[in-house]
PDB file of N, CA and C in Angstrom:
ATOM      1  N   MET A   1     155.035  46.988 203.376  1.00  0.00           N
ATOM      2  CA  MET A   1     156.352  46.958 202.793  1.00  0.00           C
ATOM      3  C   MET A   1     156.579  48.192 202.192  1.00  0.00           C
ATOM      4  N   LYS A   2     157.762  48.867 202.487  1.00  0.00           N
ATOM      5  CA  LYS A   2     158.257  50.080 202.062  1.00  0.00           C
ATOM      6  C   LYS A   2     158.669  50.177 200.826  1.00  0.00           C
ATOM      7  N   THR A   3     158.573  51.179 199.924  1.00  0.00           N
ATOM      8  CA  THR A   3     159.227  51.319 198.403  1.00  0.00           C
ATOM      9  C   THR A   3     160.795  51.902 198.860  1.00  0.00           C
ATOM     10  N   ALA A   4     161.310  52.566 197.675  1.00  0.00           N
ATOM     11  CA  ALA A   4     162.470  52.880 197.966  1.00  0.00           C
ATOM     12  C   ALA A   4     162.437  54.264 198.137  1.00  0.00           C
ATOM     13  N   GLY A   5     161.026  55.181 198.223  1.00  0.00           N
ATOM     14  CA  GLY A   5     161.173  56.542 198.822  1.00  0.00           C
ATOM     15  C   GLY A   5     160.810  56.512 200.184  1.00  0.00           C
ATOM     16  N   GLY A   6     160.673  55.104 200.694  1.00  0.00           N
ATOM     17  CA  GLY A   6     160.280  55.101 202.377  1.00  0.00           C
ATOM     18  C   GLY A   6     158.789  55.025 202.598  1.00  0.00           C
ATOM     19  N   ARG A   7     157.899  55.113 201.491  1.00  0.00           N
ATOM     20  CA  ARG A   7     156.482  54.803 202.143  1.00  0.00           C
ATOM     21  C   ARG A   7     155.938  53.687 201.410  1.00  0.00           C
ATOM     22  N   ALA A   8     155.117  53.100 202.360  1.00  0.00           N
ATOM     23  CA  ALA A   8     154.445  51.873 201.405  1.00  0.00           C
ATOM     24  C   ALA A   8     153.057  52.329 200.594  1.00  0.00           C
ATOM     25  N   SER A   9     152.680  51.820 199.608  1.00  0.00           N
ATOM     26  CA  SER A   9     151.468  52.488 198.641  1.00  0.00           C
ATOM     27  C   SER A   9     150.469  51.742 199.838  1.00  0.00           C
ATOM     28  N   ALA A  10     149.220  52.718 199.242  1.00  0.00           N
ATOM     29  CA  ALA A  10     147.762  52.489 199.855  1.00  0.00           C
ATOM     30  C   ALA A  10     147.596  51.317 199.302  1.00  0.00           C
ATOM     31  N   GLY A  11     147.615  50.534 198.383  1.00  0.00           N
ATOM     32  CA  GLY A  11     147.270  49.216 198.170  1.00  0.00           C
ATOM     33  C   GLY A  11     147.735  47.885 198.859  1.00  0.00           C
ATOM     34  N   ASP A  12     149.302  48.228 198.963  1.00  0.00           N
ATOM     35  CA  ASP A  12     149.895  47.409 199.853  1.00  0.00           C
ATOM     36  C   ASP A  12     149.362  47.278 201.321  1.00  0.00           C
ATOM     37  N   PHE A  13     148.907  48.455 201.659  1.00  0.00           N
ATOM     38  CA  PHE A  13     148.541  48.504 203.205  1.00  0.00           C
ATOM     39  C   PHE A  13     147.045  47.998 203.302  1.00  0.00           C
ATOM     40  N   SER A  14     146.334  48.075 202.354  1.00  0.00           N
ATOM     41  CA  SER A  14     145.092  47.506 202.333  1.00  0.00           C
ATOM     42  C   SER A  14     145.129  46.044 202.142  1.00  0.00           C
ATOM     43  N   LYS A  15     145.839  45.804 201.418  1.00  0.00           N
ATOM     44  CA  LYS A  15     146.093  44.055 201.582  1.00  0.00           C
ATOM     45  C   LYS A  15     146.432  43.478 202.750  1.00  0.00           C
ATOM     46  N   GLN A  16     147.477  44.309 203.634  1.00  0.00           N
ATOM     47  CA  GLN A  16     148.146  43.705 204.696  1.00  0.00           C
ATOM     48  C   GLN A  16     146.916  43.617 205.851  1.00  0.00           C
ATOM     49  N   VAL A  17     146.082  44.792 205.956  1.00  0.00           N
ATOM     50  CA  VAL A  17     144.929  45.203 206.716  1.00  0.00           C
ATOM     51  C   VAL A  17     143.697  43.884 206.723  1.00  0.00           C
ATOM     52  N   GLY A  18     143.934  43.618 205.304  1.00  0.00           N
ATOM     53  CA  GLY A  18     142.918  42.632 204.893  1.00  0.00           C
ATOM     54  C   GLY A  18     143.332  41.002 205.738  1.00  0.00           C
ATOM     55  N   ALA A  19     144.508  40.824 205.442  1.00  0.00           N
ATOM     56  CA  ALA A  19     145.253  39.554 205.739  1.00  0.00           C
ATOM     57  C   ALA A  19     145.062  39.522 207.352  1.00  0.00           C
ATOM     58  N   ALA A  20     145.573  40.844 207.728  1.00  0.00           N
ATOM     59  CA  ALA A  20     145.090  40.627 209.408  1.00  0.00           C
ATOM     60  C   ALA A  20     144.002  40.516 210.021  1.00  0.00           C
ATOM     61  N   LEU A  21     143.023  41.017 209.303  1.00  0.00           N
ATOM     62  CA  LEU A  21     141.702  40.905 209.762  1.00  0.00           C
ATOM     63  C   LEU A  21     141.171  39.531 209.397  1.00  0.00           C
ATOM     64  N   ARG A  22     141.577  38.776 208.474  1.00  0.00           N
ATOM     65  CA  ARG A  22     141.562  37.186 208.406  1.00  0.00           C
ATOM     66  C   ARG A  22     142.228  36.401 209.267  1.00  0.00           C
ATOM     67  N   ARG A  23     143.276  36.700 209.624  1.00  0.00           N
ATOM     68  CA  ARG A  23     144.042  36.118 210.559  1.00  0.00           C
ATOM     69  C   ARG A  23     143.202  36.018 211.845  1.00  0.00           C
ATOM     70  N   ALA A  24     142.783  37.638 212.367  1.00  0.00           N
ATOM     71  CA  ALA A  24     142.174  37.591 213.553  1.00  0.00           C
ATOM     72  C   ALA A  24     140.845  36.875 213.800  1.00  0.00           C
ATOM     73  N   ALA A  25     140.254  36.839 212.543  1.00  0.00           N
ATOM     74  CA  ALA A  25     138.888  36.203 212.349  1.00  0.00           C
ATOM     75  C   ALA A  25     139.113  34.434 212.784  1.00  0.00           C
ATOM     76  N   LYS A  26     140.218  34.021 212.028  1.00  0.00           N
ATOM     77  CA  LYS A  26     140.681  32.665 212.416  1.00  0.00           C
ATOM     78  C   LYS A  26     140.980  32.435 213.895  1.00  0.00           C
ATOM     79  N   VAL A  27     141.552  33.190 214.300  1.00  0.00           N
ATOM     80  CA  VAL A  27     142.043  33.084 215.919  1.00  0.00           C
ATOM     81  C   VAL A  27     140.577  33.044 216.515  1.00  0.00           C
ATOM     82  N   ALA A  28     139.979  34.133 216.341  1.00  0.00           N
ATOM     83  CA  ALA A  28     138.686  34.364 217.091  1.00  0.00           C
ATOM     84  C   ALA A  28     137.535  33.055 217.124  1.00  0.00           C
ATOM     85  N   ARG A  29     137.495  32.465 215.952  1.00  0.00           N
ATOM     86  CA  ARG A  29     136.840  31.158 215.592  1.00  0.00           C
ATOM     87  C   ARG A  29     137.297  29.911 216.461  1.00  0.00           C
ATOM     88  N   LYS A  30     138.710  30.168 216.549  1.00  0.00           N
ATOM     89  CA  LYS A  30     139.507  28.851 217.145  1.00  0.00           C
ATOM     90  C   LYS A  30     139.223  28.840 218.721  1.00  0.00           C
ATOM     91  N   THR A  31     138.880  30.328 219.259  1.00  0.00           N
ATOM     92  CA  THR A  31     138.993  30.505 220.521  1.00  0.00           C
ATOM     93  C   THR A  31     137.639  30.159 221.182  1.00  0.00           C
ATOM     94  N   ALA A  32     136.550  30.642 220.309  1.00  0.00           N
ATOM     95  CA  ALA A  32     135.059  30.547 220.304  1.00  0.00           C
ATOM     96  C   ALA A  32     134.856  29.233 220.437  1.00  0.00           C
ATOM     97  N   ARG A  33     135.444  28.129 219.730  1.00  0.00           N
ATOM     98  CA  ARG A  33     135.172  26.489 219.511  1.00  0.00           C
ATOM     99  C   ARG A  33     135.950  25.999 221.014  1.00  0.00           C
ATOM    100  N   MET A  34     137.318  26.519 221.236  1.00  0.00           N
ATOM    101  CA  MET A  34     137.775  25.808 222.440  1.00  0.00           C
ATOM    102  C   MET A  34     136.911  26.328 223.626  1.00  0.00           C
ATOM    103  N   TYR A  35     135.913  27.443 223.759  1.00  0.00           N
ATOM    104  CA  TYR A  35     135.196  27.463 224.815  1.00  0.00           C
ATOM    105  C   TYR A  35     133.727  27.116 224.602  1.00  0.00           C
ATOM    106  N   GLY A  36     133.664  26.965 223.451  1.00  0.00           N
ATOM    107  CA  GLY A  36     132.145  26.949 223.549  1.00  0.00           C
ATOM    108  C   GLY A  36     131.182  27.969 223.226  1.00  0.00           C
ATOM    109  N   THR A  37     131.549  28.947 222.794  1.00  0.00           N
ATOM    110  CA  THR A  37     130.677  30.332 222.947  1.00  0.00           C
ATOM    111  C   THR A  37     130.507  30.691 221.464  1.00  0.00           C
ATOM    112  N   PRO A  38     129.467  31.329 221.313  1.00  0.00           N
ATOM    113  CA  PRO A  38     129.312  31.887 220.107  1.00  0.00           C
ATOM    114  C   PRO A  38     130.081  33.168 219.731  1.00  0.00           C
ATOM    115  N   ILE A  39     129.632  33.430 218.206  1.00  0.00           N
ATOM    116  CA  ILE A  39     130.613  34.332 217.612  1.00  0.00           C
ATOM    117  C   ILE A  39     129.309  35.305 217.087  1.00  0.00           C
ATOM    118  N   TYR A  40     129.333  36.499 217.349  1.00  0.00           N
ATOM    119  CA  TYR A  40     128.772  37.460 217.281  1.00  0.00           C
ATOM    120  C   TYR A  40     128.933  38.054 215.916  1.00  0.00           C
ATOM    121  N   VAL A  41     128.050  38.271 214.784  1.00  0.00           N
ATOM    122  CA  VAL A  41     128.321  39.099 213.442  1.00  0.00           C
ATOM    123  C   VAL A  41     127.256  39.747 213.061  1.00  0.00           C
ATOM    124  N   TRP A  42     127.693  40.739 212.141  1.00  0.00           N
ATOM    125  CA  TRP A  42     126.482  41.755 211.442  1.00  0.00           C
ATOM    126  C   TRP A  42     125.896  40.951 210.272  1.00  0.00           C
ATOM    127  N   GLU A  43     124.786  40.829 210.250  1.00  0.00           N
ATOM    128  CA  GLU A  43     124.147  40.308 209.412  1.00  0.00           C
ATOM    129  C   GLU A  43     122.658  40.899 208.895  1.00  0.00           C
ATOM    130  N   ASN A  44     122.589  41.160 207.782  1.00  0.00           N
ATOM    131  CA  ASN A  44     121.206  41.827 207.195  1.00  0.00           C
ATOM    132  C   ASN A  44     120.867  42.892 208.254  1.00  0.00           C
ATOM    133  N   GLY A  45     121.713  43.907 208.612  1.00  0.00           N
ATOM    134  CA  GLY A  45     121.358  44.942 209.832  1.00  0.00           C
ATOM    135  C   GLY A  45     121.090  44.559 211.348  1.00  0.00           C
ATOM    136  N   LYS A  46     121.252  43.239 211.413  1.00  0.00           N
ATOM    137  CA  LYS A  46     121.318  42.993 212.625  1.00  0.00           C
ATOM    138  C   LYS A  46     122.721  42.172 213.011  1.00  0.00           C
ATOM    139  N   VAL A  47     122.720  41.923 214.537  1.00  0.00           N
ATOM    140  CA  VAL A  47     123.686  41.076 215.228  1.00  0.00           C
ATOM    141  C   VAL A  47     123.300  39.966 215.504  1.00  0.00           C
ATOM    142  N   VAL A  48     123.933  39.076 214.994  1.00  0.00           N
ATOM    143  CA  VAL A  48     123.237  37.483 215.286  1.00  0.00           C
ATOM    144  C   VAL A  48     124.402  36.659 216.021  1.00  0.00           C
ATOM    145  N   ALA A  49     124.052  35.870 216.576  1.00  0.00           N
ATOM    146  CA  ALA A  49     125.190  34.761 217.192  1.00  0.00           C
ATOM    147  C   ALA A  49     125.341  33.451 216.448  1.00  0.00           C
ATOM    148  N   LYS A  50     126.486  33.355 215.826  1.00  0.00           N
ATOM    149  CA  LYS A  50     126.834  31.880 215.095  1.00  0.00           C
ATOM    150  C   LYS A  50     127.509  30.889 215.797  1.00  0.00           C
ATOM    151  N   LYS A  51     127.489  29.829 215.764  1.00  0.00           N
ATOM    152  CA  LYS A  51     128.430  28.723 216.272  1.00  0.00           C
ATOM    153  C   LYS A  51     129.446  28.695 215.314  1.00  0.00           C
ATOM    154  N   PRO A  52     130.592  28.664 216.034  1.00  0.00           N
ATOM    155  CA  PRO A  52     131.953  28.852 215.282  1.00  0.00           C
ATOM    156  C   PRO A  52     132.107  27.688 214.330  1.00  0.00           C
TER     157      PRO A  52
END
């Protein structure tokens, strides 16, 4: 979202990035469920496969 000066604030940008990442994760979980594949996540210093 742009301000009157033409630039978005860093706080607005980081909120939008966070929202986009949550949307992408939701779509990834949906796709994994559809095809029966696991989702790989980083957990405690290791990559683990999880059921969506």
